[in-house]
Amino acid sequence: MPPSKSRARRSGDRLVPLLIAHILFWILLLIGASDIGRRACAVYVALWLIGYVGSSWLLTGGLVFVSYVAILDIALVLHVFQGDVHLR
């Protein structure tokens, strides 16, 4: 029996935060590459890879990985912009 449309929509809604977190991570890494240096970029990519590989061992790894990437995004924003970003 094919999945219902509401079930497919709910699974699609779970992908939105994943895409936002990943796109933001890679954009921030590209923006800050010249400011933070190659070594720091390599550390962030290594941390991302560790989270990616490590989340595959968990039953709910995809959900944990989204939170992990969001935390990396926060750390990257603080590192690239030397503090919090002021929104006005």
Protein backbone atom coordinates (compact mmCIF):
# COMPACT_ATOMS: atom_id res chain seq x y z
CA MET A 1 0.00 0.00 0.00
CA PRO A 2 1.51 3.41 -0.95
CA PRO A 3 2.18 5.90 1.82
CA SER A 4 -0.45 8.55 2.35
CA LYS A 5 0.19 12.15 1.33
CA SER A 6 0.15 13.35 4.93
CA ARG A 7 2.81 10.81 5.87
CA ALA A 8 4.98 11.86 2.94
CA ARG A 9 4.52 15.52 3.88
CA ARG A 10 5.57 14.83 7.49
CA SER A 11 8.75 13.12 6.35
CA GLY A 12 9.44 16.02 4.01
CA ASP A 13 9.02 18.46 6.89
CA ARG A 14 11.80 16.66 8.74
CA LEU A 15 14.19 17.31 5.88
CA VAL A 16 13.80 21.09 5.99
CA PRO A 17 15.87 21.62 9.18
CA LEU A 18 18.47 19.19 7.86
CA LEU A 19 18.85 21.13 4.63
CA ILE A 20 18.92 24.51 6.38
CA ALA A 21 21.60 23.38 8.84
CA HIS A 22 23.79 21.84 6.15
CA ILE A 23 23.49 24.68 3.67
CA LEU A 24 24.21 27.21 6.42
CA PHE A 25 27.24 25.19 7.58
CA TRP A 26 28.86 25.06 4.16
CA ILE A 27 28.06 28.71 3.37
CA LEU A 28 29.53 29.84 6.69
CA LEU A 29 32.59 27.72 6.05
CA LEU A 30 33.08 29.35 2.64
CA ILE A 31 32.49 32.85 4.00
CA GLY A 32 34.88 32.38 6.90
CA ALA A 33 37.58 30.39 5.13
CA SER A 34 39.83 33.39 4.61
CA ASP A 35 39.24 34.74 8.13
CA ILE A 36 39.67 31.58 10.19
CA GLY A 37 42.32 29.84 8.08
CA ARG A 38 42.78 26.43 6.53
CA ARG A 39 43.51 24.63 9.79
CA ALA A 40 40.27 25.80 11.42
CA CYS A 41 38.31 24.91 8.27
CA ALA A 42 39.87 21.44 8.31
CA VAL A 43 38.89 21.05 11.98
CA TYR A 44 35.26 21.97 11.25
CA VAL A 45 35.11 19.59 8.28
CA ALA A 46 36.68 16.83 10.40
CA LEU A 47 34.11 17.45 13.15
CA TRP A 48 31.35 17.30 10.55
CA LEU A 49 32.70 14.00 9.21
CA ILE A 50 32.99 12.56 12.74
CA GLY A 51 29.36 13.47 13.38
CA TYR A 52 28.26 12.04 10.05
CA VAL A 53 30.02 8.72 10.58
CA GLY A 54 29.11 8.58 14.28
CA SER A 55 25.43 9.24 13.65
CA SER A 56 25.20 6.21 11.38
CA TRP A 57 25.80 3.97 14.41
CA LEU A 58 22.75 5.33 16.23
CA LEU A 59 19.19 4.25 15.65
CA THR A 60 17.99 7.86 15.48
CA GLY A 61 21.23 9.10 13.99
CA GLY A 62 19.63 11.43 11.45
CA LEU A 63 17.89 13.44 14.14
CA VAL A 64 21.03 13.59 16.26
CA PHE A 65 23.08 14.68 13.25
CA VAL A 66 20.76 17.63 12.55
CA SER A 67 21.29 18.90 16.10
CA TYR A 68 25.02 18.24 15.85
CA VAL A 69 25.32 20.28 12.64
CA ALA A 70 23.26 23.08 14.21
CA ILE A 71 25.73 23.21 17.10
CA LEU A 72 28.61 23.32 14.60
CA ASP A 73 26.79 26.19 12.87
CA ILE A 74 26.62 28.12 16.15
CA ALA A 75 30.31 27.53 16.85
CA LEU A 76 31.20 28.54 13.31
CA VAL A 77 29.17 31.78 13.53
CA LEU A 78 30.90 32.67 16.79
CA HIS A 79 34.31 31.85 15.30
CA VAL A 80 33.85 33.62 11.96
CA PHE A 81 32.19 36.77 13.30
CA GLN A 82 34.23 36.88 16.56
CA GLY A 83 31.10 36.86 18.64
CA ASP A 84 27.38 37.06 18.21
CA VAL A 85 25.83 38.53 15.07
CA HIS A 86 23.86 41.70 15.81
CA LEU A 87 20.52 41.78 14.02
CA ARG A 88 18.93 45.18 13.52
